[in-house]
Amino acid sequence: MSQIKPTPTKRNYLRSRRALNPHPGRAKYRRFLEHDFFDPFDLVQVKYEMLRMVKVEGFSITYTTSILGFSRPTYYKALADFTQRGMLGLQPQLQRRPPHKLTPRVVRFLVKALEKDPFLRLCQLVGLIERKFGLEVSPGSILPALRQTAATMASEAPASDRSGFFSRR
């Protein structure tokens, strides 16, 4: 059988889940070349096949990673992730970096400012942070930090207190 490319719908879905293999052409293992079932564009499938080739078929890690276009450290990370979380461990995770300028102290300041005036706009909050702390922050970084703080506060507060300007309705 010849290899087929995934449909645009599948490719978009894989991309949205960060599971689109950025180098599908590197998967040179015969199954990915001969069978439609094996999709070199599906990063989770290729990683699973990499683990299976070593554990079930007994191929060496070096050979397996080279024929599938991965590095040996990628193999070891996939193995650890699979061992800890199963197939879900092979799914790439979104790893948001915590905002480095919006420290807990700055966020507490923002919360207090919003308690005083809940109608402050993001651009006004940026100005307050710059004046108070001398920091230049992006307006787009403020809302996620406030949401994270609200989620933490909500999980720690009694059920009767879980409302306010952070709640989503």
Protein backbone atom coordinates (compact mmCIF):
# COMPACT_ATOMS: atom_id res chain seq x y z
CA MET A 1 0.00 0.00 0.00
CA SER A 2 1.10 3.53 -0.57
CA GLN A 3 1.42 6.13 2.11
CA ILE A 4 -1.35 8.72 2.21
CA LYS A 5 -1.21 12.16 3.74
CA PRO A 6 -3.72 13.05 6.43
CA THR A 7 -6.73 15.10 5.41
CA PRO A 8 -6.53 18.84 6.03
CA THR A 9 -9.06 18.36 8.84
CA LYS A 10 -6.88 15.79 10.59
CA ARG A 11 -3.75 17.83 10.02
CA ASN A 12 -5.43 20.94 11.49
CA TYR A 13 -6.64 18.92 14.47
CA LEU A 14 -3.17 17.50 15.09
CA ARG A 15 -1.68 20.99 14.78
CA SER A 16 -4.21 22.43 17.24
CA ARG A 17 -3.23 19.73 19.75
CA ARG A 18 0.49 20.28 19.07
CA ALA A 19 0.57 16.67 17.85
CA LEU A 20 1.52 17.31 14.23
CA ASN A 21 4.92 15.77 13.62
CA PRO A 22 7.11 18.64 12.36
CA HIS A 23 9.29 16.20 10.39
CA PRO A 24 7.06 13.44 8.98
CA GLY A 25 9.52 12.77 6.17
CA ARG A 26 12.08 11.53 8.68
CA ALA A 27 9.91 8.51 9.59
CA LYS A 28 11.61 5.97 7.31
CA TYR A 29 10.39 2.81 9.06
CA ARG A 30 8.78 0.47 6.51
CA ARG A 31 5.37 0.49 8.20
CA PHE A 32 5.09 4.25 7.78
CA LEU A 33 6.06 3.89 4.15
CA GLU A 34 3.94 0.85 3.25
CA HIS A 35 0.71 1.07 5.25
CA ASP A 36 -1.95 3.77 5.27
CA PHE A 37 -2.72 3.01 8.91
CA PHE A 38 0.65 4.34 10.05
CA ASP A 39 0.59 8.12 9.84
CA PRO A 40 3.99 9.83 10.04
CA PHE A 41 2.21 13.17 10.57
CA ASP A 42 0.74 11.92 13.88
CA LEU A 43 3.40 12.63 16.48
CA VAL A 44 1.74 10.50 19.18
CA GLN A 45 1.53 7.51 16.85
CA VAL A 46 5.17 7.83 15.79
CA LYS A 47 6.33 8.10 19.40
CA TYR A 48 4.26 5.07 20.40
CA GLU A 49 5.70 3.10 17.50
CA MET A 50 9.18 4.13 18.60
CA LEU A 51 8.57 2.71 22.08
CA ARG A 52 6.96 -0.44 20.66
CA MET A 53 9.84 -1.11 18.27
CA VAL A 54 12.33 -1.08 21.14
CA LYS A 55 10.26 -2.92 23.77
CA VAL A 56 8.40 -5.46 21.59
CA GLU A 57 10.55 -5.98 18.52
CA GLY A 58 13.88 -5.54 20.30
CA PHE A 59 15.37 -2.91 18.01
CA SER A 60 18.12 -0.79 19.52
CA ILE A 61 17.27 2.69 20.70
CA THR A 62 19.86 4.19 18.37
CA TYR A 63 18.47 2.41 15.30
CA THR A 64 14.85 3.15 16.21
CA THR A 65 15.36 6.83 16.86
CA SER A 66 17.34 7.26 13.66
CA ILE A 67 14.77 5.49 11.47
CA LEU A 68 11.91 7.53 12.96
CA GLY A 69 13.73 10.86 12.98
CA PHE A 70 14.01 11.39 16.73
CA SER A 71 16.91 11.85 19.12
CA ARG A 72 17.78 9.43 21.89
CA PRO A 73 16.81 11.97 24.58
CA THR A 74 13.38 12.17 22.91
CA TYR A 75 13.07 8.40 23.25
CA TYR A 76 13.91 8.48 26.96
CA LYS A 77 11.49 11.33 27.59
CA ALA A 78 8.72 9.53 25.68
CA LEU A 79 9.42 6.36 27.66
CA ALA A 80 9.23 8.21 30.99
CA ASP A 81 6.05 10.04 29.94
CA PHE A 82 4.45 6.81 28.72
CA THR A 83 5.44 4.96 31.90
CA GLN A 84 3.90 7.67 34.08
CA ARG A 85 0.75 8.54 32.10
CA GLY A 86 0.24 5.95 29.37
CA MET A 87 -0.77 7.08 25.89
CA LEU A 88 -1.75 10.50 27.25
CA GLY A 89 1.87 10.97 28.24
CA LEU A 90 2.85 10.94 24.58
CA GLN A 91 0.47 13.81 23.83
CA PRO A 92 2.47 17.07 23.79
CA GLN A 93 1.51 19.33 26.66
CA LEU A 94 1.02 23.04 26.46
CA GLN A 95 3.65 24.45 28.73
CA ARG A 96 2.83 27.98 29.57
CA ARG A 97 5.66 29.85 31.10
CA PRO A 98 4.58 31.70 34.20
CA PRO A 99 4.73 35.44 33.69
CA HIS A 100 8.14 36.39 35.04
CA LYS A 101 7.35 40.05 35.64
CA LEU A 102 3.93 39.51 37.17
CA THR A 103 5.15 38.24 40.49
CA PRO A 104 2.66 37.46 43.28
CA ARG A 105 3.39 40.91 44.73
CA VAL A 106 2.48 42.63 41.44
CA VAL A 107 -0.67 40.50 41.03
CA ARG A 108 -1.78 41.31 44.61
CA PHE A 109 -1.35 44.98 43.70
CA LEU A 110 -3.54 44.48 40.62
CA VAL A 111 -6.22 42.68 42.62
CA LYS A 112 -6.35 45.53 45.13
CA ALA A 113 -6.53 48.09 42.32
CA LEU A 114 -9.40 46.20 40.71
CA GLU A 115 -11.20 45.89 44.03
CA LYS A 116 -11.09 49.70 44.28
CA ASP A 117 -12.10 50.21 40.65
CA PRO A 118 -13.38 47.10 38.82
CA PHE A 119 -13.72 49.09 35.59
CA LEU A 120 -9.99 49.62 35.09
CA ARG A 121 -8.88 48.67 31.60
CA LEU A 122 -5.82 46.57 30.82
CA CYS A 123 -3.95 49.57 29.43
CA GLN A 124 -4.61 51.42 32.71
CA LEU A 125 -3.32 48.44 34.68
CA VAL A 126 -0.16 48.47 32.56
CA GLY A 127 0.35 52.11 33.51
CA LEU A 128 -0.21 51.39 37.20
CA ILE A 129 2.38 48.60 37.12
CA GLU A 130 4.88 50.80 35.33
CA ARG A 131 4.43 53.65 37.82
CA LYS A 132 4.46 51.47 40.95
CA PHE A 133 7.10 48.88 40.02
CA GLY A 134 8.95 50.36 37.05
CA LEU A 135 8.05 47.30 34.92
CA GLU A 136 6.95 47.20 31.32
CA VAL A 137 4.38 44.44 30.90
CA SER A 138 2.20 43.38 28.04
CA PRO A 139 -1.54 43.90 28.50
CA GLY A 140 -1.98 40.34 27.23
CA SER A 141 -0.04 38.93 30.19
CA ILE A 142 -2.23 40.55 32.83
CA LEU A 143 -5.47 38.70 32.24
CA PRO A 144 -3.98 35.16 32.44
CA ALA A 145 -2.18 36.10 35.67
CA LEU A 146 -5.41 37.45 37.15
CA ARG A 147 -7.34 34.37 36.05
CA GLN A 148 -4.75 32.10 37.64
CA THR A 149 -4.95 34.11 40.86
CA ALA A 150 -8.75 34.00 40.76
CA ALA A 151 -8.72 30.23 40.27
CA THR A 152 -6.37 29.82 43.22
CA MET A 153 -8.44 32.16 45.37
CA ALA A 154 -11.67 30.41 44.39
CA SER A 155 -10.32 26.97 45.23
CA GLU A 156 -9.20 28.20 48.65
CA ALA A 157 -12.33 30.22 49.48
CA PRO A 158 -15.51 28.82 51.06
CA ALA A 159 -18.29 28.13 48.54
CA SER A 160 -20.29 31.16 49.71
CA ASP A 161 -17.41 33.52 48.84
CA ARG A 162 -16.79 32.27 45.28
CA SER A 163 -18.15 35.24 43.42
CA GLY A 164 -16.79 38.60 42.44
CA PHE A 165 -15.26 40.35 39.48
CA PHE A 166 -13.19 37.29 38.52
CA SER A 167 -16.09 34.87 38.25
CA ARG A 168 -17.26 33.81 34.81
CA ARG A 169 -20.98 33.70 34.25
